[in-house]
């Protein structure tokens, strides 16, 4: 942004890319004004690294969408992996 960092913020739009109704904006603002509560990291879940996560994701997508729609995603991820892994 060309503005100073303290003038930047988050903008919310409707699913159609239009301005939210005033009452929805007010509700969001009231939620943001509340004190933030966080959990200690040891109380959060854990993770597990998955081999070939990108490939598994592509297979998942192929199961739900036509191959023509997925092909650009496949090539993007494949190109990224080739670039990253050499």
N, C-alpha and C. Protein backbone atom coordinates (compact mmCIF):
# COMPACT_ATOMS: atom_id res chain seq x y z
N UNK A 1 0.83 -1.18 0.00
CA UNK A 1 0.00 0.00 0.00
C UNK A 1 0.88 1.25 0.00
N UNK A 2 0.37 2.30 -0.55
CA UNK A 2 1.10 3.57 -0.53
C UNK A 2 0.86 4.30 0.79
N UNK A 3 -0.04 3.79 1.61
CA UNK A 3 -0.34 4.42 2.89
C UNK A 3 0.63 3.95 3.96
N UNK A 4 0.81 4.74 5.02
CA UNK A 4 1.61 4.28 6.15
C UNK A 4 0.99 3.01 6.74
N UNK A 5 1.81 2.16 7.35
CA UNK A 5 1.34 0.87 7.85
C UNK A 5 0.16 1.01 8.81
N UNK A 6 0.12 2.08 9.62
CA UNK A 6 -0.95 2.23 10.59
C UNK A 6 -2.29 2.59 9.95
N UNK A 7 -2.28 2.95 8.67
CA UNK A 7 -3.52 3.23 7.96
C UNK A 7 -4.04 2.01 7.20
N UNK A 8 -3.25 0.98 7.15
CA UNK A 8 -3.67 -0.22 6.43
C UNK A 8 -4.57 -1.07 7.32
N UNK A 9 -5.35 -1.90 6.70
CA UNK A 9 -6.25 -2.75 7.44
C UNK A 9 -6.72 -3.89 6.57
N UNK A 10 -7.82 -4.48 6.97
CA UNK A 10 -8.42 -5.60 6.25
C UNK A 10 -9.73 -5.13 5.66
N UNK A 11 -9.97 -5.49 4.42
CA UNK A 11 -11.25 -5.16 3.79
C UNK A 11 -12.03 -6.45 3.60
N UNK A 12 -13.29 -6.42 3.95
CA UNK A 12 -14.18 -7.55 3.76
C UNK A 12 -15.19 -7.21 2.68
N UNK A 13 -15.45 -8.16 1.80
CA UNK A 13 -16.44 -7.99 0.74
C UNK A 13 -17.40 -9.16 0.77
N UNK A 14 -18.55 -8.98 0.15
CA UNK A 14 -19.51 -10.07 0.05
C UNK A 14 -18.98 -11.12 -0.92
N UNK A 15 -19.67 -12.24 -1.01
CA UNK A 15 -19.29 -13.30 -1.94
C UNK A 15 -19.36 -12.82 -3.38
N UNK A 16 -20.08 -11.74 -3.62
CA UNK A 16 -20.22 -11.19 -4.97
C UNK A 16 -19.25 -10.04 -5.24
N UNK A 17 -18.36 -9.77 -4.27
CA UNK A 17 -17.38 -8.70 -4.44
C UNK A 17 -17.92 -7.31 -4.17
N UNK A 18 -19.07 -7.25 -3.54
CA UNK A 18 -19.69 -5.95 -3.25
C UNK A 18 -19.51 -5.61 -1.78
N UNK A 19 -19.85 -4.38 -1.44
CA UNK A 19 -19.77 -3.91 -0.06
C UNK A 19 -20.72 -4.73 0.82
N UNK A 20 -20.26 -5.02 2.01
CA UNK A 20 -21.12 -5.72 2.97
C UNK A 20 -22.19 -4.78 3.50
N UNK A 21 -23.34 -5.32 3.90
CA UNK A 21 -24.35 -4.47 4.53
C UNK A 21 -23.78 -3.84 5.81
N UNK A 22 -24.24 -2.66 6.14
CA UNK A 22 -23.72 -1.94 7.31
C UNK A 22 -23.82 -2.76 8.58
N UNK A 23 -24.93 -3.50 8.75
CA UNK A 23 -25.08 -4.28 9.99
C UNK A 23 -24.05 -5.40 10.09
N UNK A 24 -23.65 -5.95 8.96
CA UNK A 24 -22.62 -7.00 8.96
C UNK A 24 -21.26 -6.37 9.29
N UNK A 25 -20.96 -5.22 8.70
CA UNK A 25 -19.72 -4.52 9.02
C UNK A 25 -19.65 -4.19 10.51
N UNK A 26 -20.74 -3.72 11.07
CA UNK A 26 -20.76 -3.38 12.49
C UNK A 26 -20.54 -4.62 13.35
N UNK A 27 -21.11 -5.74 12.95
CA UNK A 27 -20.91 -6.98 13.71
C UNK A 27 -19.45 -7.42 13.66
N UNK A 28 -18.84 -7.35 12.49
CA UNK A 28 -17.42 -7.71 12.35
C UNK A 28 -16.57 -6.78 13.21
N UNK A 29 -16.84 -5.49 13.15
CA UNK A 29 -16.07 -4.53 13.95
C UNK A 29 -16.22 -4.81 15.43
N UNK A 30 -17.43 -5.17 15.88
CA UNK A 30 -17.61 -5.45 17.31
C UNK A 30 -16.85 -6.71 17.72
N UNK A 31 -16.78 -7.68 16.83
CA UNK A 31 -16.00 -8.90 17.13
C UNK A 31 -14.51 -8.59 17.19
N UNK A 32 -14.05 -7.71 16.31
CA UNK A 32 -12.63 -7.35 16.30
C UNK A 32 -12.25 -6.51 17.51
N UNK A 33 -13.21 -5.81 18.09
CA UNK A 33 -12.94 -4.98 19.27
C UNK A 33 -12.81 -5.81 20.54
N UNK A 34 -13.27 -7.07 20.51
CA UNK A 34 -13.19 -7.92 21.69
C UNK A 34 -11.75 -8.34 21.94
N UNK A 35 -11.46 -8.66 23.19
CA UNK A 35 -10.12 -9.11 23.54
C UNK A 35 -9.82 -10.44 22.86
N UNK A 36 -8.64 -10.55 22.32
CA UNK A 36 -8.22 -11.75 21.61
C UNK A 36 -7.81 -12.81 22.61
N UNK A 37 -8.34 -14.00 22.46
CA UNK A 37 -7.93 -15.10 23.32
C UNK A 37 -7.19 -16.13 22.46
N UNK A 38 -6.11 -16.62 22.99
CA UNK A 38 -5.30 -17.60 22.27
C UNK A 38 -5.04 -18.80 23.18
N UNK A 39 -4.69 -19.91 22.57
CA UNK A 39 -4.35 -21.11 23.32
C UNK A 39 -2.86 -21.33 23.28
N UNK A 40 -2.34 -21.95 24.31
CA UNK A 40 -0.93 -22.31 24.31
C UNK A 40 -0.70 -23.34 23.21
N UNK A 41 0.48 -23.30 22.61
CA UNK A 41 0.76 -24.20 21.49
C UNK A 41 0.64 -25.66 21.89
N UNK A 42 0.97 -26.00 23.14
CA UNK A 42 0.89 -27.41 23.55
C UNK A 42 -0.56 -27.90 23.63
N UNK A 43 -1.52 -26.98 23.66
CA UNK A 43 -2.94 -27.35 23.70
C UNK A 43 -3.53 -27.49 22.29
N UNK A 44 -2.74 -27.09 21.29
CA UNK A 44 -3.21 -27.18 19.90
C UNK A 44 -2.90 -28.57 19.35
N UNK A 45 -3.43 -28.85 18.20
CA UNK A 45 -3.20 -30.14 17.57
C UNK A 45 -1.77 -30.33 17.12
N UNK A 46 -1.52 -31.43 16.51
CA UNK A 46 -0.19 -31.71 16.00
C UNK A 46 -0.27 -31.87 14.49
N UNK A 47 0.86 -32.07 13.86
CA UNK A 47 0.89 -32.22 12.42
C UNK A 47 1.77 -33.40 12.05
N UNK A 48 1.59 -33.82 10.85
CA UNK A 48 2.39 -34.91 10.32
C UNK A 48 2.76 -34.56 8.89
N UNK A 49 4.04 -34.64 8.56
CA UNK A 49 4.47 -34.38 7.20
C UNK A 49 4.02 -35.53 6.31
N UNK A 50 3.50 -35.18 5.15
CA UNK A 50 3.00 -36.19 4.22
C UNK A 50 3.86 -36.18 2.97
N UNK A 51 4.41 -37.34 2.64
CA UNK A 51 5.18 -37.46 1.40
C UNK A 51 4.27 -37.20 0.22
N UNK A 52 4.76 -36.49 -0.77
CA UNK A 52 4.05 -36.21 -2.01
C UNK A 52 2.68 -35.57 -1.76
N UNK A 53 2.66 -34.59 -0.87
CA UNK A 53 1.39 -33.92 -0.56
C UNK A 53 0.78 -33.28 -1.81
N UNK A 54 1.62 -32.65 -2.64
CA UNK A 54 1.09 -32.01 -3.85
C UNK A 54 0.46 -33.05 -4.77
N UNK A 55 1.12 -34.17 -4.97
CA UNK A 55 0.57 -35.22 -5.82
C UNK A 55 -0.73 -35.79 -5.27
N UNK A 56 -0.78 -35.97 -3.96
CA UNK A 56 -2.01 -36.47 -3.34
C UNK A 56 -3.15 -35.47 -3.48
N UNK A 57 -2.82 -34.19 -3.39
CA UNK A 57 -3.84 -33.16 -3.56
C UNK A 57 -4.37 -33.18 -4.99
N UNK A 58 -3.48 -33.33 -5.95
CA UNK A 58 -3.91 -33.39 -7.35
C UNK A 58 -4.83 -34.58 -7.56
N UNK A 59 -4.49 -35.73 -7.02
CA UNK A 59 -5.35 -36.91 -7.16
C UNK A 59 -6.72 -36.66 -6.53
N UNK A 60 -6.73 -36.01 -5.39
CA UNK A 60 -8.00 -35.66 -4.75
C UNK A 60 -8.83 -34.78 -5.68
N UNK A 61 -8.20 -33.77 -6.28
CA UNK A 61 -8.92 -32.87 -7.19
C UNK A 61 -9.43 -33.62 -8.41
N UNK A 62 -8.63 -34.52 -8.95
CA UNK A 62 -9.07 -35.30 -10.11
C UNK A 62 -10.33 -36.10 -9.78
N UNK A 63 -10.47 -36.51 -8.54
CA UNK A 63 -11.64 -37.30 -8.16
C UNK A 63 -12.91 -36.47 -8.19
N UNK A 64 -12.79 -35.15 -8.10
CA UNK A 64 -13.98 -34.30 -8.01
C UNK A 64 -14.21 -33.39 -9.20
N UNK A 65 -13.20 -33.17 -10.01
CA UNK A 65 -13.33 -32.22 -11.11
C UNK A 65 -12.90 -32.87 -12.42
N UNK A 66 -13.33 -32.29 -13.51
CA UNK A 66 -12.93 -32.78 -14.82
C UNK A 66 -11.44 -32.55 -15.02
N UNK A 67 -10.79 -33.46 -15.75
CA UNK A 67 -9.35 -33.38 -15.96
C UNK A 67 -8.94 -32.07 -16.63
N UNK A 68 -9.75 -31.53 -17.50
CA UNK A 68 -9.41 -30.30 -18.19
C UNK A 68 -9.26 -29.12 -17.22
N UNK A 69 -10.06 -29.12 -16.15
CA UNK A 69 -10.00 -28.03 -15.18
C UNK A 69 -8.76 -28.14 -14.31
N UNK A 70 -8.28 -29.34 -14.08
CA UNK A 70 -7.18 -29.57 -13.15
C UNK A 70 -5.83 -29.44 -13.83
N UNK A 71 -5.77 -29.69 -15.13
CA UNK A 71 -4.48 -29.72 -15.83
C UNK A 71 -3.61 -28.49 -15.54
N UNK A 72 -4.14 -27.25 -15.54
CA UNK A 72 -3.26 -26.10 -15.22
C UNK A 72 -2.69 -26.17 -13.80
N UNK A 73 -3.48 -26.66 -12.84
CA UNK A 73 -2.99 -26.79 -11.47
C UNK A 73 -1.88 -27.83 -11.43
N UNK A 74 -2.10 -28.95 -12.10
CA UNK A 74 -1.10 -30.02 -12.13
C UNK A 74 0.22 -29.50 -12.66
N UNK A 75 0.16 -28.81 -13.80
CA UNK A 75 1.40 -28.33 -14.41
C UNK A 75 2.05 -27.25 -13.56
N UNK A 76 1.27 -26.43 -12.88
CA UNK A 76 1.84 -25.41 -12.01
C UNK A 76 2.60 -26.05 -10.85
N UNK A 77 1.97 -27.03 -10.22
CA UNK A 77 2.62 -27.70 -9.09
C UNK A 77 3.82 -28.49 -9.57
N UNK A 78 3.68 -29.17 -10.69
CA UNK A 78 4.78 -29.96 -11.24
C UNK A 78 5.97 -29.04 -11.55
N UNK A 79 5.69 -27.91 -12.20
CA UNK A 79 6.76 -26.95 -12.51
C UNK A 79 7.41 -26.43 -11.25
N UNK A 80 6.60 -26.12 -10.23
CA UNK A 80 7.15 -25.63 -8.97
C UNK A 80 8.05 -26.67 -8.35
N UNK A 81 7.60 -27.92 -8.32
CA UNK A 81 8.41 -28.98 -7.70
C UNK A 81 9.70 -29.19 -8.47
N UNK A 82 9.65 -29.14 -9.79
CA UNK A 82 10.88 -29.30 -10.58
C UNK A 82 11.84 -28.15 -10.30
N UNK A 83 11.31 -26.93 -10.18
CA UNK A 83 12.13 -25.77 -9.90
C UNK A 83 12.74 -25.90 -8.50
N UNK A 84 11.91 -26.29 -7.53
CA UNK A 84 12.35 -26.37 -6.14
C UNK A 84 13.35 -27.50 -5.93
N UNK A 85 13.10 -28.64 -6.57
CA UNK A 85 13.92 -29.84 -6.33
C UNK A 85 15.07 -29.98 -7.32
N UNK A 86 15.07 -29.17 -8.35
CA UNK A 86 16.19 -29.20 -9.29
C UNK A 86 16.02 -30.14 -10.43
